[in-house]
Structures are given as C-alpha cells and as structure tokens.
Amino acid sequence: MKQQNKKILPFLITSTFILIACTEQPREVIELKAEKQVTSEPVTQDVVEIPPTVKSTILVNNPTPLPQGYQVDTTHLKKPMMIDFNGDGKLDAFRVLKNPNKVGMKYLFEFRIADSDKVYWYEDDYGDDLDAFGVFELAPKTEIYADEEHRFDKNGSIRVNEEIDPKYYLKFKGDGISVNVLEETCATSVFFLENEKIRRIHLC
C-alpha cells in the first residue's frame, strides 16, 4: 500500500504543475493582447492655429491724425508719394492736405515718417496758391543743391553747378520732393527734411 502511495504522489505533483501551467497561459495571452491593443491606438496631438498677420491699414504705420480741419487733397496729387525722407531706408509718405475753411493759406505739404508718430507739415510762406504748383517729383539726395544766395549771381542769373563752390553744396540724409511752381517757367523748388523741419530751396 505504501509503495502505491509513493507512485501516486509524483503523478499528482506533475498533474498539478501541468494544470497550473494550463490555467496561466491564457492569462498571459490575454494580457499581451491587451497591451498590443493599447499601443496600437493612434496618438492625437493638439493643433495650434497661428492667426494670420494683420497688415496695418495706417499709412506707413504712422497713427498721427491729420491736423484739425484738413483733409487729403487728391486733385494736385492723386496718391501719396513714397520717399525715404530721413535716410533710414524706410519709405515715408508725402501728401498734399487742404483746408477749405481756412482763411489765408489753405494747404499743407505733409511728410509722414514710417513706423513712428512723426509728421512734418510745411505751410507756404511765400504766398503761393496750391493751384500754382505743377508736378511733384522725387528730388534725389545725390543731386547738387545750393542756397539761393549761391545759386544766383548779383544780376539774378542762375549759376550752373560748376560755377558754385563745392563748400556751398547742401547735403541731406534722405531724398526730397521737387515741384515746379509755375509750369510755364522754370520756377522749381525742392523740399528736404533737415534738423527736424522742412527746408525749401529754390532752384531757379
């Protein structure tokens, strides 16, 4: 009897291990499948939307308002002239302003500096009416300019550049505006920004 028990005992132990192995294996398979399902899910990321850059509608990004009572005149200048007045490499704006209700001089020349709040206005002090001006053009800073006292001789005749001592040549950081005062004559003036104010030079 004892011998039979000894033979049965190893059999029972072996059967127990097999049974445990059989019951554990499906569990491992289920866990592996679960892990695969978790890792196979797509990863979603939040999309960050960058708003488009809004381009400023303010002329040359200068918010300074027009002087009281004035408005932009498009009769003598259809649209602003874009010129670098201060030599910083940025295009500034030149406009003609008018004031219908003003007594006396009824216009201003506006020099609006880009990316700032600086605006320079020139009000004519020679008594010229706006209708007397002709064509507005660019006055390059590379040209030769001189004051009237050096541009004209004692008889009022115009000196050519070669007749003017170079020490009297005027130098400007930026370009300016040229306009003929009377279309039937050579009466031309140029306007430059100098020392924080507008300077007018009569060429002829």
C-alpha atoms as a PDB file:
ATOM      1  CA  MET A   1       0.000   0.000   0.000  1.00  0.00           C
ATOM      2  CA  LYS A   2       2.769   2.393   0.893  1.00  0.00           C
ATOM      3  CA  GLN A   3       4.519   1.672  -2.369  1.00  0.00           C
ATOM      4  CA  GLN A   4       1.397   2.514  -4.333  1.00  0.00           C
ATOM      5  CA  ASN A   5       1.075   5.808  -2.497  1.00  0.00           C
ATOM      6  CA  LYS A   6       4.659   6.656  -3.352  1.00  0.00           C
ATOM      7  CA  LYS A   7       3.948   6.065  -7.039  1.00  0.00           C
ATOM      8  CA  ILE A   8       0.770   8.135  -6.994  1.00  0.00           C
ATOM      9  CA  LEU A   9       2.388  11.148  -5.233  1.00  0.00           C
ATOM     10  CA  PRO A  10       4.776  12.120  -8.110  1.00  0.00           C
ATOM     11  CA  PHE A  11       1.923  11.754 -10.530  1.00  0.00           C
ATOM     12  CA  LEU A  12      -0.232  14.130  -8.556  1.00  0.00           C
ATOM     13  CA  ILE A  13       2.547  16.711  -8.294  1.00  0.00           C
ATOM     14  CA  THR A  14       3.199  16.566 -12.047  1.00  0.00           C
ATOM     15  CA  SER A  15      -0.505  16.892 -12.810  1.00  0.00           C
ATOM     16  CA  THR A  16      -0.763  19.878 -10.511  1.00  0.00           C
ATOM     17  CA  PHE A  17       2.057  21.745 -12.332  1.00  0.00           C
ATOM     18  CA  ILE A  18       0.504  20.979 -15.713  1.00  0.00           C
ATOM     19  CA  LEU A  19      -2.836  22.242 -14.508  1.00  0.00           C
ATOM     20  CA  ILE A  20      -1.302  25.464 -13.196  1.00  0.00           C
ATOM     21  CA  ALA A  21       0.589  25.977 -16.455  1.00  0.00           C
ATOM     22  CA  CYS A  22      -2.559  25.490 -18.491  1.00  0.00           C
ATOM     23  CA  THR A  23      -4.522  27.957 -16.435  1.00  0.00           C
ATOM     24  CA  GLU A  24      -1.744  30.638 -16.502  1.00  0.00           C
ATOM     25  CA  GLN A  25      -1.038  30.564 -20.252  1.00  0.00           C
ATOM     26  CA  PRO A  26      -4.331  32.071 -21.472  1.00  0.00           C
ATOM     27  CA  ARG A  27      -3.942  34.850 -18.920  1.00  0.00           C
ATOM     28  CA  GLU A  28      -0.568  35.816 -20.350  1.00  0.00           C
ATOM     29  CA  VAL A  29      -2.004  35.751 -23.859  1.00  0.00           C
ATOM     30  CA  ILE A  30      -4.902  37.990 -22.816  1.00  0.00           C
ATOM     31  CA  GLU A  31      -2.527  40.455 -21.138  1.00  0.00           C
ATOM     32  CA  LEU A  32      -0.274  40.554 -24.237  1.00  0.00           C
ATOM     33  CA  LYS A  33      -3.260  41.168 -26.490  1.00  0.00           C
ATOM     34  CA  ALA A  34      -4.443  43.929 -24.218  1.00  0.00           C
ATOM     35  CA  GLU A  35      -1.020  45.591 -24.340  1.00  0.00           C
ATOM     36  CA  LYS A  36      -0.995  45.372 -28.138  1.00  0.00           C
ATOM     37  CA  GLN A  37      -4.409  46.992 -28.314  1.00  0.00           C
ATOM     38  CA  VAL A  38      -3.299  49.853 -26.082  1.00  0.00           C
ATOM     39  CA  THR A  39      -0.114  50.567 -28.027  1.00  0.00           C
ATOM     40  CA  SER A  40      -1.848  50.311 -31.395  1.00  0.00           C
ATOM     41  CA  GLU A  41      -4.229  53.215 -30.687  1.00  0.00           C
ATOM     42  CA  PRO A  42      -3.363  56.398 -32.713  1.00  0.00           C
ATOM     43  CA  VAL A  43      -1.773  59.268 -30.785  1.00  0.00           C
ATOM     44  CA  THR A  44      -3.599  62.546 -31.211  1.00  0.00           C
ATOM     45  CA  GLN A  45      -1.919  65.971 -30.753  1.00  0.00           C
ATOM     46  CA  ASP A  46      -3.496  69.349 -30.210  1.00  0.00           C
ATOM     47  CA  VAL A  47      -3.234  71.552 -33.322  1.00  0.00           C
ATOM     48  CA  VAL A  48      -2.122  75.091 -32.543  1.00  0.00           C
ATOM     49  CA  GLU A  49      -3.581  77.559 -35.030  1.00  0.00           C
ATOM     50  CA  ILE A  50      -1.448  80.661 -35.693  1.00  0.00           C
ATOM     51  CA  PRO A  51      -3.613  83.646 -36.590  1.00  0.00           C
ATOM     52  CA  PRO A  52      -2.651  85.421 -39.829  1.00  0.00           C
ATOM     53  CA  THR A  53      -0.670  88.630 -39.547  1.00  0.00           C
ATOM     54  CA  VAL A  54      -2.951  91.622 -39.881  1.00  0.00           C
ATOM     55  CA  LYS A  55      -1.460  94.226 -42.198  1.00  0.00           C
ATOM     56  CA  SER A  56      -1.836  97.731 -40.886  1.00  0.00           C
ATOM     57  CA  THR A  57      -4.125  99.974 -42.908  1.00  0.00           C
ATOM     58  CA  ILE A  58      -2.494 103.092 -41.413  1.00  0.00           C
ATOM     59  CA  LEU A  59      -0.336 104.931 -43.944  1.00  0.00           C
ATOM     60  CA  VAL A  60       3.342 103.890 -43.433  1.00  0.00           C
ATOM     61  CA  ASN A  61       2.341 102.636 -39.971  1.00  0.00           C
ATOM     62  CA  ASN A  62       2.117 106.177 -38.597  1.00  0.00           C
ATOM     63  CA  PRO A  63      -1.033 106.764 -36.498  1.00  0.00           C
ATOM     64  CA  THR A  64      -0.749 110.562 -36.160  1.00  0.00           C
ATOM     65  CA  PRO A  65      -4.086 112.128 -37.215  1.00  0.00           C
ATOM     66  CA  LEU A  66      -4.424 114.949 -39.729  1.00  0.00           C
ATOM     67  CA  PRO A  67      -4.430 118.491 -38.391  1.00  0.00           C
ATOM     68  CA  GLN A  68      -7.880 119.720 -37.426  1.00  0.00           C
ATOM     69  CA  GLY A  69      -9.877 120.942 -40.383  1.00  0.00           C
ATOM     70  CA  TYR A  70      -7.573 119.414 -43.023  1.00  0.00           C
ATOM     71  CA  GLN A  71      -8.219 116.588 -45.458  1.00  0.00           C
ATOM     72  CA  VAL A  72      -6.153 114.818 -48.102  1.00  0.00           C
ATOM     73  CA  ASP A  73      -6.171 116.598 -51.461  1.00  0.00           C
ATOM     74  CA  THR A  74      -6.217 114.287 -54.480  1.00  0.00           C
ATOM     75  CA  THR A  75      -6.651 116.991 -57.093  1.00  0.00           C
ATOM     76  CA  HIS A  76      -2.994 118.002 -57.190  1.00  0.00           C
ATOM     77  CA  LEU A  77      -1.556 114.671 -56.038  1.00  0.00           C
ATOM     78  CA  LYS A  78      -3.605 111.556 -56.840  1.00  0.00           C
ATOM     79  CA  LYS A  79      -1.929 109.293 -54.288  1.00  0.00           C
ATOM     80  CA  PRO A  80       0.854 109.535 -51.678  1.00  0.00           C
ATOM     81  CA  MET A  81       4.450 109.594 -52.902  1.00  0.00           C
ATOM     82  CA  MET A  82       6.629 107.038 -51.127  1.00  0.00           C
ATOM     83  CA  ILE A  83      10.088 108.520 -50.442  1.00  0.00           C
ATOM     84  CA  ASP A  84      12.762 107.987 -47.792  1.00  0.00           C
ATOM     85  CA  PHE A  85      12.962 111.464 -46.242  1.00  0.00           C
ATOM     86  CA  ASN A  86      15.170 110.752 -43.222  1.00  0.00           C
ATOM     87  CA  GLY A  87      17.605 108.272 -44.752  1.00  0.00           C
ATOM     88  CA  ASP A  88      16.718 105.296 -42.535  1.00  0.00           C
ATOM     89  CA  GLY A  89      15.982 103.028 -45.509  1.00  0.00           C
ATOM     90  CA  LYS A  90      12.207 103.028 -44.954  1.00  0.00           C
ATOM     91  CA  LEU A  91       9.744 104.592 -47.353  1.00  0.00           C
ATOM     92  CA  ASP A  92       7.924 107.569 -45.868  1.00  0.00           C
ATOM     93  CA  ALA A  93       4.852 109.277 -47.336  1.00  0.00           C
ATOM     94  CA  PHE A  94       4.290 112.702 -48.884  1.00  0.00           C
ATOM     95  CA  ARG A  95       0.778 114.101 -49.268  1.00  0.00           C
ATOM     96  CA  VAL A  96      -0.915 117.382 -50.023  1.00  0.00           C
ATOM     97  CA  LEU A  97      -3.518 118.494 -47.483  1.00  0.00           C
ATOM     98  CA  LYS A  98      -6.166 121.129 -47.909  1.00  0.00           C
ATOM     99  CA  ASN A  99      -8.427 123.067 -45.572  1.00  0.00           C
ATOM    100  CA  PRO A 100     -11.432 124.589 -47.379  1.00  0.00           C
ATOM    101  CA  ASN A 101     -12.492 126.551 -44.308  1.00  0.00           C
ATOM    102  CA  LYS A 102      -9.123 128.098 -43.504  1.00  0.00           C
ATOM    103  CA  VAL A 103      -8.595 131.790 -44.112  1.00  0.00           C
ATOM    104  CA  GLY A 104      -5.354 132.543 -45.964  1.00  0.00           C
ATOM    105  CA  MET A 105      -3.119 129.631 -46.975  1.00  0.00           C
ATOM    106  CA  LYS A 106      -5.380 126.650 -47.472  1.00  0.00           C
ATOM    107  CA  TYR A 107      -2.922 123.799 -47.906  1.00  0.00           C
ATOM    108  CA  LEU A 108      -0.101 121.926 -46.206  1.00  0.00           C
ATOM    109  CA  PHE A 109       2.630 119.617 -47.518  1.00  0.00           C
ATOM    110  CA  GLU A 110       2.757 116.571 -45.269  1.00  0.00           C
ATOM    111  CA  PHE A 111       5.896 114.498 -44.701  1.00  0.00           C
ATOM    112  CA  ARG A 112       4.841 111.392 -42.752  1.00  0.00           C
ATOM    113  CA  ILE A 113       7.694 109.287 -41.317  1.00  0.00           C
ATOM    114  CA  ALA A 114       7.285 105.498 -41.406  1.00  0.00           C
ATOM    115  CA  ASP A 115       6.988 103.348 -38.258  1.00  0.00           C
ATOM    116  CA  SER A 116       6.742 106.359 -35.966  1.00  0.00           C
ATOM    117  CA  ASP A 117       4.385 109.122 -34.927  1.00  0.00           C
ATOM    118  CA  LYS A 118       6.485 111.865 -36.526  1.00  0.00           C
ATOM    119  CA  VAL A 119       4.836 114.076 -39.127  1.00  0.00           C
ATOM    120  CA  TYR A 120       6.236 117.312 -40.564  1.00  0.00           C
ATOM    121  CA  TRP A 121       3.956 119.862 -42.202  1.00  0.00           C
ATOM    122  CA  TYR A 122       5.136 122.645 -44.475  1.00  0.00           C
ATOM    123  CA  GLU A 123       2.934 125.692 -44.790  1.00  0.00           C
ATOM    124  CA  ASP A 124       3.865 128.009 -47.623  1.00  0.00           C
ATOM    125  CA  ASP A 125       5.210 131.349 -46.507  1.00  0.00           C
ATOM    126  CA  TYR A 126       5.718 132.818 -49.982  1.00  0.00           C
ATOM    127  CA  GLY A 127       2.054 133.357 -50.762  1.00  0.00           C
ATOM    128  CA  ASP A 128       1.855 130.650 -53.422  1.00  0.00           C
ATOM    129  CA  ASP A 129      -1.577 129.244 -54.095  1.00  0.00           C
ATOM    130  CA  LEU A 130      -1.877 125.476 -54.392  1.00  0.00           C
ATOM    131  CA  ASP A 131      -3.102 125.818 -57.962  1.00  0.00           C
ATOM    132  CA  ALA A 132       0.249 127.396 -58.869  1.00  0.00           C
ATOM    133  CA  PHE A 133       2.111 124.132 -58.236  1.00  0.00           C
ATOM    134  CA  GLY A 134       2.670 121.728 -61.096  1.00  0.00           C
ATOM    135  CA  VAL A 135       4.152 118.245 -60.976  1.00  0.00           C
ATOM    136  CA  PHE A 136       5.502 116.665 -57.769  1.00  0.00           C
ATOM    137  CA  GLU A 137       8.581 114.502 -58.307  1.00  0.00           C
ATOM    138  CA  LEU A 138      11.374 112.804 -56.400  1.00  0.00           C
ATOM    139  CA  ALA A 139      14.368 115.015 -55.578  1.00  0.00           C
ATOM    140  CA  PRO A 140      17.334 112.625 -55.157  1.00  0.00           C
ATOM    141  CA  LYS A 141      19.730 113.455 -52.339  1.00  0.00           C
ATOM    142  CA  THR A 142      22.619 112.700 -54.724  1.00  0.00           C
ATOM    143  CA  GLU A 143      21.920 115.800 -56.806  1.00  0.00           C
ATOM    144  CA  ILE A 144      23.714 119.095 -56.196  1.00  0.00           C
ATOM    145  CA  TYR A 145      21.735 121.684 -54.248  1.00  0.00           C
ATOM    146  CA  ALA A 146      22.713 125.148 -53.041  1.00  0.00           C
ATOM    147  CA  ASP A 147      21.042 128.082 -51.302  1.00  0.00           C
ATOM    148  CA  GLU A 148      19.655 130.911 -53.401  1.00  0.00           C
ATOM    149  CA  GLU A 149      22.487 133.245 -52.430  1.00  0.00           C
ATOM    150  CA  HIS A 150      24.960 130.878 -54.077  1.00  0.00           C
ATOM    151  CA  ARG A 151      22.728 129.651 -56.892  1.00  0.00           C
ATOM    152  CA  PHE A 152      22.129 133.143 -58.302  1.00  0.00           C
ATOM    153  CA  ASP A 153      24.696 135.814 -59.115  1.00  0.00           C
ATOM    154  CA  LYS A 154      24.328 139.540 -58.412  1.00  0.00           C
ATOM    155  CA  ASN A 155      22.387 140.051 -61.622  1.00  0.00           C
ATOM    156  CA  GLY A 156      19.921 137.330 -60.761  1.00  0.00           C
ATOM    157  CA  SER A 157      21.272 134.883 -63.339  1.00  0.00           C
ATOM    158  CA  ILE A 158      21.388 131.212 -62.432  1.00  0.00           C
ATOM    159  CA  ARG A 159      24.798 129.699 -61.782  1.00  0.00           C
ATOM    160  CA  VAL A 160      25.425 126.188 -63.051  1.00  0.00           C
ATOM    161  CA  ASN A 161      26.802 123.674 -60.583  1.00  0.00           C
ATOM    162  CA  GLU A 162      30.369 124.096 -61.843  1.00  0.00           C
ATOM    163  CA  GLU A 163      30.215 127.805 -61.006  1.00  0.00           C
ATOM    164  CA  ILE A 164      29.298 127.164 -57.380  1.00  0.00           C
ATOM    165  CA  ASP A 165      31.999 126.495 -54.812  1.00  0.00           C
ATOM    166  CA  PRO A 166      31.516 122.876 -53.606  1.00  0.00           C
ATOM    167  CA  LYS A 167      31.677 124.063 -49.999  1.00  0.00           C
ATOM    168  CA  TYR A 168      28.219 125.572 -50.554  1.00  0.00           C
ATOM    169  CA  TYR A 169      26.699 122.304 -51.712  1.00  0.00           C
ATOM    170  CA  LEU A 170      23.903 121.142 -49.433  1.00  0.00           C
ATOM    171  CA  LYS A 171      23.911 117.554 -48.166  1.00  0.00           C
ATOM    172  CA  PHE A 172      20.828 115.715 -46.975  1.00  0.00           C
ATOM    173  CA  LYS A 173      20.379 112.302 -45.337  1.00  0.00           C
ATOM    174  CA  GLY A 174      17.284 111.436 -47.339  1.00  0.00           C
ATOM    175  CA  ASP A 175      15.579 112.275 -50.596  1.00  0.00           C
ATOM    176  CA  GLY A 176      13.181 115.159 -51.036  1.00  0.00           C
ATOM    177  CA  ILE A 177      10.280 116.453 -53.098  1.00  0.00           C
ATOM    178  CA  SER A 178      10.635 118.596 -56.210  1.00  0.00           C
ATOM    179  CA  VAL A 179       7.794 120.677 -57.639  1.00  0.00           C
ATOM    180  CA  ASN A 180       7.630 123.326 -60.316  1.00  0.00           C
ATOM    181  CA  VAL A 181       5.750 126.362 -59.096  1.00  0.00           C
ATOM    182  CA  LEU A 182       4.651 127.646 -62.492  1.00  0.00           C
ATOM    183  CA  GLU A 183       4.503 125.176 -65.369  1.00  0.00           C
ATOM    184  CA  GLU A 184       5.344 127.817 -67.975  1.00  0.00           C
ATOM    185  CA  THR A 185       8.563 128.812 -66.168  1.00  0.00           C
ATOM    186  CA  CYS A 186      11.493 127.019 -64.546  1.00  0.00           C
ATOM    187  CA  ALA A 187      10.445 128.161 -61.059  1.00  0.00           C
ATOM    188  CA  THR A 188      11.178 124.920 -59.219  1.00  0.00           C
ATOM    189  CA  SER A 189      11.516 124.254 -55.518  1.00  0.00           C
ATOM    190  CA  VAL A 190      12.733 121.241 -53.576  1.00  0.00           C
ATOM    191  CA  PHE A 191      11.732 120.274 -50.048  1.00  0.00           C
ATOM    192  CA  PHE A 192      14.005 118.314 -47.723  1.00  0.00           C
ATOM    193  CA  LEU A 193      13.833 117.183 -44.103  1.00  0.00           C
ATOM    194  CA  GLU A 194      16.664 118.820 -42.181  1.00  0.00           C
ATOM    195  CA  ASN A 195      17.129 119.203 -38.422  1.00  0.00           C
ATOM    196  CA  GLU A 196      13.580 118.118 -37.647  1.00  0.00           C
ATOM    197  CA  LYS A 197      11.951 120.628 -40.013  1.00  0.00           C
ATOM    198  CA  ILE A 198      11.181 121.012 -43.712  1.00  0.00           C
ATOM    199  CA  ARG A 199      13.552 123.156 -45.706  1.00  0.00           C
ATOM    200  CA  ARG A 200      12.571 124.701 -49.017  1.00  0.00           C
ATOM    201  CA  ILE A 201      15.206 125.503 -51.651  1.00  0.00           C
ATOM    202  CA  HIS A 202      14.516 127.497 -54.818  1.00  0.00           C
ATOM    203  CA  LEU A 203      16.403 126.008 -57.742  1.00  0.00           C
ATOM    204  CA  CYS A 204      15.508 128.685 -60.287  1.00  0.00           C
END
